[in-house]
Amino acid sequence: MTEAFDLDAVRAQFPALALADQGVRRIYFDNPAGTQVPRQVIDRTVDCLIARNANLGGYFATTLAADALVAEAHTALADFYNAGAPAEIVFGQNMTTLTFHMSRCLGRRFRTGDEIVLSRMDHDANVSPWLLLADDLGLTVRWMDFDPETYEFLEDALRRVLSDRTRLVALGLASNCTGTVNDVKHFAREAKAAGALVYVDAVQFAPHYAIDVEDLGADILVSSAYKWFGPHQGILWGREELLRETFAYKLRPAGSEPPHKFETGTLSHEGMAGSLGAIAYLEQFGTGADRPARLKSAWNVLARHEQKIALRLIEGLRTFKGLTIRGITSANAMHRRVPTVSFTLDGHHPEGLAKAFARDNIFVWSGHNYAIEPVNRMGLMDKGGVLRVGLAHYNSESEVDALLSALTRIVRN
């Protein structure tokens, strides 16, 4: 496939999409918490466990094959992020674990009285590690606030809290609650001008749009492959110069050069192999002379389909009386959000809605979904949070219509 999108052909590549329960086909709208995987991911993972199952640094066949796999994975993920070098790619268990580790490493640069800026829009994985660090070191925490009416940051949201004491700004590329895509490039430019490091959570952005760390202007960015059609694997990018100069908590025999000094213990080689499978899957939708170009064009193809079905969902939801979509709804602003649509419905608890959808084999999430800050900011924590519908490019218009039909039945009952 090149610059085309055949949904039936796409869905045929995902074994899980063909599963049914008691004869009822599954509808996967739980994607913000983890996507399904294509056959390439499964095949690469199995091949690793069969033919490359060894530790690194030896002289026999399986260890040499594992060495090659690890090198290939670092190169491919550098292409995925449009990074400058494979040495800028750090593998770990997931974004949360990597962030806890890196927060401690970066914390060696900070002193009591320094300030860090966190976001009211973010998933707790880009909040709690920094709050705990601030408590340990005596740092001052300041907050970027968003407008709960527009679900976006104002242009001066960072300037309001930035100071000459700011040492780090932690911000998400896209919200796992509101779906808002944040102008991180703009905020990174302001943060860097103030001398602060910029740490970006790209977990919810990565399954929907191309990431270009060279253009973004941040210092560190992290995503988890299981959110973009791969295995349970976290991948961090960091500027090579920063990684080199940053202290690493590591074992004494471990290498002292990036990325290895941050990759604690034996890595998940099968996770790396599965991540390579996910990248190979994505490449098929794009065109270009090299992998970064193919990936960039592929995301454009996938985004067009996602924006179309997201708008269909939003327009359908807006017909329900008492329903409030907690995110951007304008038809000409679909590019400013990912297709994660959260809503509340008067007279219906989000958990009750999720259970009702589950009876129709429609998979959705309810509650705060670890988005503690935005749910609190919207005043919804004591109301059960939100009902979250997360679309991916393998979802169809008919699945969206099935959810809307199910919601109609729920409301009538």
Protein backbone atom coordinates (compact mmCIF):
# COMPACT_ATOMS: atom_id res chain seq x y z
CA MET A 1 0.00 0.00 0.00
CA THR A 2 1.28 3.50 -0.82
CA GLU A 3 -0.61 6.72 -0.18
CA ALA A 4 -3.87 4.79 -0.07
CA PHE A 5 -6.12 3.52 2.67
CA ASP A 6 -8.14 0.34 2.25
CA LEU A 7 -9.85 -0.22 5.60
CA ASP A 8 -10.75 -3.84 4.89
CA ALA A 9 -7.14 -4.61 4.00
CA VAL A 10 -5.98 -2.81 7.14
CA ARG A 11 -8.32 -4.70 9.42
CA ALA A 12 -7.30 -8.03 7.89
CA GLN A 13 -3.79 -7.46 9.23
CA PHE A 14 -5.01 -7.39 12.87
CA PRO A 15 -6.00 -10.88 14.10
CA ALA A 16 -7.76 -9.47 17.18
CA LEU A 17 -10.23 -7.51 15.06
CA ALA A 18 -11.79 -10.76 13.84
CA LEU A 19 -12.60 -12.03 17.33
CA ALA A 20 -16.16 -12.31 18.62
CA ASP A 21 -17.76 -13.19 21.94
CA GLN A 22 -20.96 -15.23 21.90
CA GLY A 23 -21.19 -14.38 18.23
CA VAL A 24 -20.89 -10.62 18.76
CA ARG A 25 -17.91 -8.96 17.09
CA ARG A 26 -15.68 -6.91 19.36
CA ILE A 27 -15.47 -3.15 18.86
CA TYR A 28 -12.19 -1.78 20.18
CA PHE A 29 -12.64 1.81 21.34
CA ASP A 30 -10.28 1.31 24.28
CA ASN A 31 -7.28 2.32 22.14
CA PRO A 32 -5.89 5.18 24.30
CA ALA A 33 -5.04 2.56 26.93
CA GLY A 34 -3.47 0.21 24.37
CA THR A 35 -4.02 -0.66 20.73
CA GLN A 36 -4.29 -4.02 19.02
CA VAL A 37 -1.31 -5.33 17.07
CA PRO A 38 -0.88 -6.35 13.42
CA ARG A 39 0.52 -9.66 12.28
CA GLN A 40 3.99 -8.15 11.69
CA VAL A 41 4.33 -7.45 15.42
CA ILE A 42 3.35 -10.99 16.35
CA ASP A 43 5.67 -12.55 13.78
CA ARG A 44 8.69 -10.45 14.75
CA THR A 45 8.11 -11.17 18.44
CA VAL A 46 7.85 -14.92 17.88
CA ASP A 47 10.95 -14.93 15.67
CA CYS A 48 12.92 -13.19 18.39
CA LEU A 49 11.88 -15.67 21.06
CA ILE A 50 12.70 -18.61 18.79
CA ALA A 51 15.84 -17.55 16.93
CA ARG A 52 17.37 -14.63 18.90
CA ASN A 53 16.73 -15.54 22.52
CA ALA A 54 20.05 -14.72 24.20
CA ASN A 55 21.79 -11.98 26.10
CA LEU A 56 24.17 -9.60 24.38
CA GLY A 57 27.92 -9.51 23.88
CA GLY A 58 28.83 -13.14 23.19
CA TYR A 59 30.29 -15.00 20.23
CA PHE A 60 27.64 -17.61 19.36
CA ALA A 61 24.79 -17.42 16.88
CA THR A 62 21.88 -16.34 19.09
CA THR A 63 23.80 -13.60 20.89
CA LEU A 64 25.06 -12.22 17.57
CA ALA A 65 21.48 -12.23 16.28
CA ALA A 66 20.29 -10.46 19.43
CA ASP A 67 23.04 -7.83 19.06
CA ALA A 68 21.90 -7.16 15.50
CA LEU A 69 18.27 -6.89 16.59
CA VAL A 70 19.06 -4.36 19.31
CA ALA A 71 21.10 -2.23 16.92
CA GLU A 72 18.35 -2.39 14.30
CA ALA A 73 15.73 -1.37 16.86
CA HIS A 74 17.66 1.71 17.99
CA THR A 75 18.11 2.79 14.36
CA ALA A 76 14.45 2.23 13.48
CA LEU A 77 13.16 4.14 16.50
CA ALA A 78 15.52 7.01 15.71
CA ASP A 79 13.77 7.11 12.33
CA PHE A 80 10.36 6.90 14.02
CA TYR A 81 11.11 10.04 16.01
CA ASN A 82 13.21 11.64 13.23
CA ALA A 83 16.10 11.73 15.69
CA GLY A 84 19.70 12.54 14.89
CA ALA A 85 21.28 9.23 15.92
CA PRO A 86 20.48 5.77 17.35
CA ALA A 87 22.42 6.78 20.48
CA GLU A 88 19.54 9.14 21.31
CA ILE A 89 17.09 6.23 21.73
CA VAL A 90 16.63 4.62 25.16
CA PHE A 91 14.46 1.52 25.56
CA GLY A 92 12.61 0.70 28.76
CA GLN A 93 9.49 -0.94 30.13
CA ASN A 94 7.06 1.89 29.35
CA MET A 95 6.78 5.67 29.42
CA THR A 96 5.97 5.75 33.13
CA THR A 97 8.95 3.65 34.20
CA LEU A 98 11.31 5.55 31.90
CA THR A 99 10.06 8.86 33.27
CA PHE A 100 10.51 7.81 36.89
CA HIS A 101 14.07 6.74 36.07
CA MET A 102 14.93 9.81 34.00
CA SER A 103 13.40 12.17 36.58
CA ARG A 104 15.88 10.84 39.13
CA CYS A 105 18.78 11.16 36.71
CA LEU A 106 17.86 14.72 35.74
CA GLY A 107 17.18 15.53 39.38
CA ARG A 108 20.92 15.46 40.02
CA ARG A 109 21.03 18.77 38.10
CA PHE A 110 18.52 20.56 40.35
CA ARG A 111 18.88 22.30 43.69
CA THR A 112 16.52 23.29 46.51
CA GLY A 113 14.50 26.32 45.48
CA ASP A 114 14.63 25.55 41.76
CA GLU A 115 11.29 25.52 39.96
CA ILE A 116 9.63 23.05 37.62
CA VAL A 117 6.50 23.61 35.54
CA LEU A 118 3.87 20.89 35.18
CA SER A 119 0.65 20.80 33.17
CA ARG A 120 -2.97 20.57 34.25
CA MET A 121 -3.61 18.77 30.93
CA ASP A 122 -1.27 15.82 31.48
CA HIS A 123 -1.51 12.15 32.28
CA ASP A 124 -0.19 11.42 35.76
CA ALA A 125 2.88 9.67 34.30
CA ASN A 126 4.21 13.11 33.42
CA VAL A 127 3.11 14.61 36.73
CA SER A 128 3.69 12.30 39.71
CA PRO A 129 7.36 11.51 38.95
CA TRP A 130 8.10 15.23 39.02
CA LEU A 131 5.94 15.91 42.09
CA LEU A 132 7.82 13.22 43.97
CA LEU A 133 11.14 14.61 42.80
CA ALA A 134 10.09 18.09 43.89
CA ASP A 135 9.18 16.74 47.32
CA ASP A 136 12.53 14.97 47.62
CA LEU A 137 14.63 17.96 46.53
CA GLY A 138 12.59 20.90 47.81
CA LEU A 139 11.68 22.16 44.34
CA THR A 140 8.85 24.61 43.71
CA VAL A 141 6.11 23.34 41.38
CA ARG A 142 4.21 25.74 39.14
CA TRP A 143 1.29 24.78 36.93
CA MET A 144 0.35 25.53 33.34
CA ASP A 145 -3.43 25.80 33.29
CA PHE A 146 -5.77 25.21 30.36
CA ASP A 147 -9.12 26.79 29.57
CA PRO A 148 -11.87 24.33 30.63
CA GLU A 149 -14.23 25.91 28.10
CA THR A 150 -11.99 25.51 25.03
CA TYR A 151 -9.91 22.58 26.36
CA GLU A 152 -6.75 24.29 25.11
CA PHE A 153 -3.86 26.27 26.57
CA LEU A 154 -3.82 30.00 26.02
CA GLU A 155 -0.81 31.27 24.11
CA ASP A 156 0.70 32.78 27.26
CA ALA A 157 -0.04 29.79 29.53
CA LEU A 158 3.63 29.03 30.06
CA ARG A 159 4.83 32.63 30.23
CA ARG A 160 2.50 33.16 33.20
CA VAL A 161 4.45 30.66 35.30
CA LEU A 162 7.92 30.71 33.75
CA SER A 163 10.73 32.37 35.71
CA ASP A 164 14.50 32.57 35.85
CA ARG A 165 14.32 29.75 38.42
CA THR A 166 12.55 27.33 36.05
CA ARG A 167 14.71 24.29 35.40
CA LEU A 168 12.25 21.96 33.65
CA VAL A 169 8.91 22.08 31.84
CA ALA A 170 7.00 18.78 31.55
CA LEU A 171 4.21 18.79 28.98
CA GLY A 172 2.17 16.36 26.90
CA LEU A 173 1.88 16.48 23.11
CA ALA A 174 -1.74 15.29 23.33
CA SER A 175 -4.17 14.73 26.18
CA ASN A 176 -5.44 11.24 26.94
CA CYS A 177 -8.61 12.84 28.33
CA THR A 178 -9.60 15.83 26.19
CA GLY A 179 -7.76 14.71 23.07
CA THR A 180 -6.25 18.17 22.65
CA VAL A 181 -3.01 18.42 20.67
CA ASN A 182 -0.84 20.96 22.44
CA ASP A 183 1.45 23.46 20.73
CA VAL A 184 4.55 22.01 22.36
CA LYS A 185 6.84 23.58 19.77
CA HIS A 186 5.69 27.05 20.84
CA PHE A 187 6.04 26.27 24.55
CA ALA A 188 9.39 24.53 24.06
CA ARG A 189 10.77 27.62 22.38
CA GLU A 190 9.72 29.75 25.37
CA ALA A 191 11.09 27.24 27.88
CA LYS A 192 14.44 26.96 26.11
CA ALA A 193 14.76 30.74 25.95
CA ALA A 194 14.41 30.71 29.75
CA GLY A 195 17.09 28.04 30.07
CA ALA A 196 14.73 25.20 31.07
CA LEU A 197 14.75 21.60 29.93
CA VAL A 198 11.63 20.37 28.11
CA TYR A 199 10.31 16.86 28.83
CA VAL A 200 7.50 15.68 26.53
CA ASP A 201 4.96 12.88 26.97
CA ALA A 202 4.11 11.77 23.42
CA VAL A 203 2.18 8.63 24.37
CA GLN A 204 -1.23 9.81 23.12
CA PHE A 205 0.13 11.70 20.12
CA ALA A 206 2.30 8.90 18.72
CA PRO A 207 -0.56 6.63 17.49
CA HIS A 208 -2.02 9.42 15.35
CA TYR A 209 0.56 11.84 13.95
CA ALA A 210 4.22 11.93 12.93
CA ILE A 211 6.75 12.98 15.56
CA ASP A 212 9.72 15.12 14.56
CA VAL A 213 11.97 15.72 17.54
CA GLU A 214 14.39 17.77 15.45
CA ASP A 215 11.60 20.24 14.70
CA LEU A 216 9.85 20.10 18.07
CA GLY A 217 12.62 21.74 20.06
CA ALA A 218 12.27 19.60 23.19
CA ASP A 219 15.06 17.85 25.08
CA ILE A 220 13.46 14.51 25.94
CA LEU A 221 10.37 12.80 24.52
CA VAL A 222 8.83 9.45 25.42
CA SER A 223 6.14 7.17 24.04
CA SER A 224 5.05 3.56 24.54
CA ALA A 225 4.88 1.23 21.56
CA TYR A 226 1.78 -0.56 22.84
CA LYS A 227 -0.13 2.67 22.22
CA TRP A 228 0.94 2.71 18.54
CA PHE A 229 0.17 -0.88 17.51
CA GLY A 230 3.27 -2.46 19.02
CA PRO A 231 4.16 -4.47 22.15
CA HIS A 232 4.53 -3.36 25.76
CA GLN A 233 7.69 -1.36 25.26
CA GLY A 234 8.72 2.19 26.17
CA ILE A 235 11.00 4.29 23.98
CA LEU A 236 12.65 7.52 25.10
CA TRP A 237 14.43 10.01 22.87
CA GLY A 238 16.88 12.48 24.33
CA ARG A 239 19.31 14.95 22.84
CA GLU A 240 22.64 13.13 22.65
CA GLU A 241 24.60 15.91 24.34
CA LEU A 242 22.12 15.98 27.22
CA LEU A 243 22.20 12.20 27.60
CA ARG A 244 25.99 12.22 27.65
CA GLU A 245 26.24 14.83 30.39
CA THR A 246 23.37 13.53 32.54
CA PHE A 247 24.14 11.28 35.48
CA ALA A 248 22.76 7.74 35.14
CA TYR A 249 21.74 5.40 37.94
CA LYS A 250 23.24 2.16 36.65
CA LEU A 251 25.18 -0.96 37.57
CA ARG A 252 28.95 -0.64 37.70
CA PRO A 253 29.66 -3.02 34.79
CA ALA A 254 27.15 -1.21 32.55
CA GLY A 255 28.43 1.00 29.76
CA SER A 256 28.94 4.69 30.41
CA GLU A 257 27.83 5.94 26.99
CA PRO A 258 24.25 6.69 25.89
CA PRO A 259 21.92 5.06 25.38
CA HIS A 260 23.21 2.01 27.24
CA LYS A 261 23.93 3.78 30.52
CA PHE A 262 20.19 4.45 30.89
CA GLU A 263 19.04 0.98 29.73
CA THR A 264 19.10 -0.83 33.06
CA GLY A 265 19.37 -4.61 33.12
CA THR A 266 18.59 -6.94 30.24
CA LEU A 267 16.14 -5.30 27.88
CA SER A 268 13.02 -6.82 26.35
CA HIS A 269 14.49 -7.96 23.06
CA GLU A 270 11.13 -9.39 22.04
CA GLY A 271 9.63 -5.94 22.74
CA MET A 272 12.21 -4.37 20.47
CA ALA A 273 11.42 -6.94 17.78
CA GLY A 274 7.71 -6.22 18.09
CA SER A 275 8.37 -2.49 17.85
CA LEU A 276 10.23 -3.13 14.59
CA GLY A 277 7.17 -5.00 13.38
CA ALA A 278 4.93 -2.04 14.23
CA ILE A 279 7.18 0.33 12.30
CA ALA A 280 7.23 -2.01 9.30
CA TYR A 281 3.44 -2.12 9.44
CA LEU A 282 3.18 1.68 9.45
CA GLU A 283 5.65 2.14 6.60
CA GLN A 284 3.35 0.39 4.13
CA PHE A 285 1.02 3.40 4.07
CA GLY A 286 3.68 5.91 3.11
CA THR A 287 5.97 6.86 0.26
CA GLY A 288 9.45 8.33 0.23
CA ALA A 289 13.10 7.61 -0.32
CA ASP A 290 13.83 6.69 3.30
CA ARG A 291 12.04 5.42 6.39
CA PRO A 292 11.47 8.81 8.09
CA ALA A 293 9.83 10.13 4.92
CA ARG A 294 7.67 7.03 4.53
CA LEU A 295 6.55 7.20 8.14
CA LYS A 296 5.70 10.90 7.89
CA SER A 297 3.55 10.39 4.81
CA ALA A 298 1.98 7.26 6.32
CA TRP A 299 0.73 9.21 9.33
CA ASN A 300 -0.88 11.73 6.98
CA VAL A 301 -2.84 8.91 5.34
CA LEU A 302 -3.95 7.43 8.65
CA ALA A 303 -4.83 10.81 10.15
CA ARG A 304 -7.24 11.63 7.33
CA HIS A 305 -9.28 8.52 8.09
CA GLU A 306 -9.15 9.09 11.84
CA GLN A 307 -10.28 12.70 11.58
CA LYS A 308 -13.18 11.63 9.39
CA ILE A 309 -14.51 9.03 11.83
CA ALA A 310 -13.78 11.25 14.84
CA LEU A 311 -15.94 13.97 13.34
CA ARG A 312 -18.67 11.41 12.65
CA LEU A 313 -18.56 10.36 16.31
CA ILE A 314 -18.57 13.94 17.60
CA GLU A 315 -21.45 15.01 15.38
CA GLY A 316 -23.43 11.96 16.48
CA LEU A 317 -22.78 12.58 20.16
CA ARG A 318 -23.85 16.21 19.87
CA THR A 319 -27.39 15.10 19.05
CA PHE A 320 -27.88 13.70 22.57
CA LYS A 321 -29.56 16.04 25.02
CA GLY A 322 -27.54 16.59 28.20
CA LEU A 323 -24.33 15.23 26.67
CA THR A 324 -21.17 17.34 26.96
CA ILE A 325 -18.10 16.51 24.89
CA ARG A 326 -15.04 17.33 26.95
CA GLY A 327 -12.82 18.44 24.11
CA ILE A 328 -12.59 20.27 20.78
CA THR A 329 -15.66 19.73 18.60
CA SER A 330 -15.29 22.13 15.65
CA ALA A 331 -15.29 20.37 12.29
CA ASN A 332 -12.42 22.49 11.02
CA ALA A 333 -10.28 21.79 14.10
CA MET A 334 -9.97 18.00 13.98
CA HIS A 335 -6.24 18.43 13.33
CA ARG A 336 -5.93 20.09 16.75
CA ARG A 337 -7.03 16.94 18.52
CA VAL A 338 -6.48 13.20 18.46
CA PRO A 339 -9.55 10.96 18.00
CA THR A 340 -9.92 10.37 21.74
CA VAL A 341 -13.38 11.67 22.62
CA SER A 342 -14.45 11.98 26.25
CA PHE A 343 -17.93 12.99 27.32
CA THR A 344 -20.34 13.20 30.23
CA LEU A 345 -24.09 12.61 30.04
CA ASP A 346 -26.55 14.10 32.51
CA GLY A 347 -28.22 11.45 34.65
CA HIS A 348 -25.74 8.71 33.68
CA HIS A 349 -22.63 7.78 35.63
CA PRO A 350 -19.60 7.12 33.35
CA GLU A 351 -19.02 3.71 34.90
CA GLY A 352 -22.63 2.73 34.27
CA LEU A 353 -22.29 3.80 30.65
CA ALA A 354 -19.09 1.77 30.24
CA LYS A 355 -20.79 -1.33 31.65
CA ALA A 356 -23.76 -0.86 29.32
CA PHE A 357 -21.47 -0.54 26.30
CA ALA A 358 -19.56 -3.65 27.40
CA ARG A 359 -22.80 -5.63 27.24
CA ASP A 360 -22.87 -4.78 23.52
CA ASN A 361 -19.20 -5.80 23.25
CA ILE A 362 -18.13 -2.19 22.74
CA PHE A 363 -14.92 -1.57 24.66
CA VAL A 364 -14.59 1.88 26.26
CA TRP A 365 -13.06 3.32 29.42
CA SER A 366 -14.57 5.37 32.22
CA GLY A 367 -13.25 7.33 35.18
CA HIS A 368 -10.17 9.55 35.29
CA ASN A 369 -7.98 7.22 33.21
CA TYR A 370 -4.93 8.55 35.10
CA ALA A 371 -5.71 12.04 33.84
CA ILE A 372 -6.02 13.29 37.42
CA GLU A 373 -5.19 16.92 36.64
CA PRO A 374 -7.59 17.55 33.73
CA VAL A 375 -10.46 15.67 35.36
CA ASN A 376 -9.98 17.68 38.54
CA ARG A 377 -9.68 20.90 36.55
CA MET A 378 -13.04 20.19 34.89
CA GLY A 379 -14.65 19.44 38.25
CA LEU A 380 -15.51 15.86 37.32
CA MET A 381 -13.56 13.74 39.80
CA ASP A 382 -16.45 13.38 42.26
CA LYS A 383 -18.84 12.73 39.37
CA GLY A 384 -17.05 9.63 38.11
CA GLY A 385 -14.80 11.31 35.57
CA VAL A 386 -15.65 10.83 31.90
CA LEU A 387 -16.71 8.17 29.44
CA ARG A 388 -13.82 7.88 26.97
CA VAL A 389 -14.12 6.61 23.39
CA GLY A 390 -10.73 6.23 21.72
CA LEU A 391 -10.60 5.70 17.98
CA ALA A 392 -7.73 4.32 15.92
CA HIS A 393 -7.20 4.07 12.18
CA TYR A 394 -8.46 0.48 12.12
CA ASN A 395 -11.87 1.55 13.40
CA SER A 396 -14.74 2.02 10.96
CA GLU A 397 -17.70 4.30 10.43
CA SER A 398 -20.00 1.36 11.07
CA GLU A 399 -18.39 0.82 14.48
CA VAL A 400 -18.94 4.48 15.32
CA ASP A 401 -22.58 4.10 14.26
CA ALA A 402 -22.90 0.98 16.44
CA LEU A 403 -21.76 2.96 19.48
CA LEU A 404 -24.21 5.77 18.73
CA SER A 405 -27.02 3.25 18.34
CA ALA A 406 -26.08 1.58 21.61
CA LEU A 407 -26.05 4.96 23.35
CA THR A 408 -29.52 5.66 22.01
CA ARG A 409 -30.76 2.41 23.59
CA ILE A 410 -29.00 3.20 26.86
CA VAL A 411 -30.60 6.64 27.07
CA ARG A 412 -34.06 5.28 26.30
CA ASN A 413 -33.73 2.68 29.04
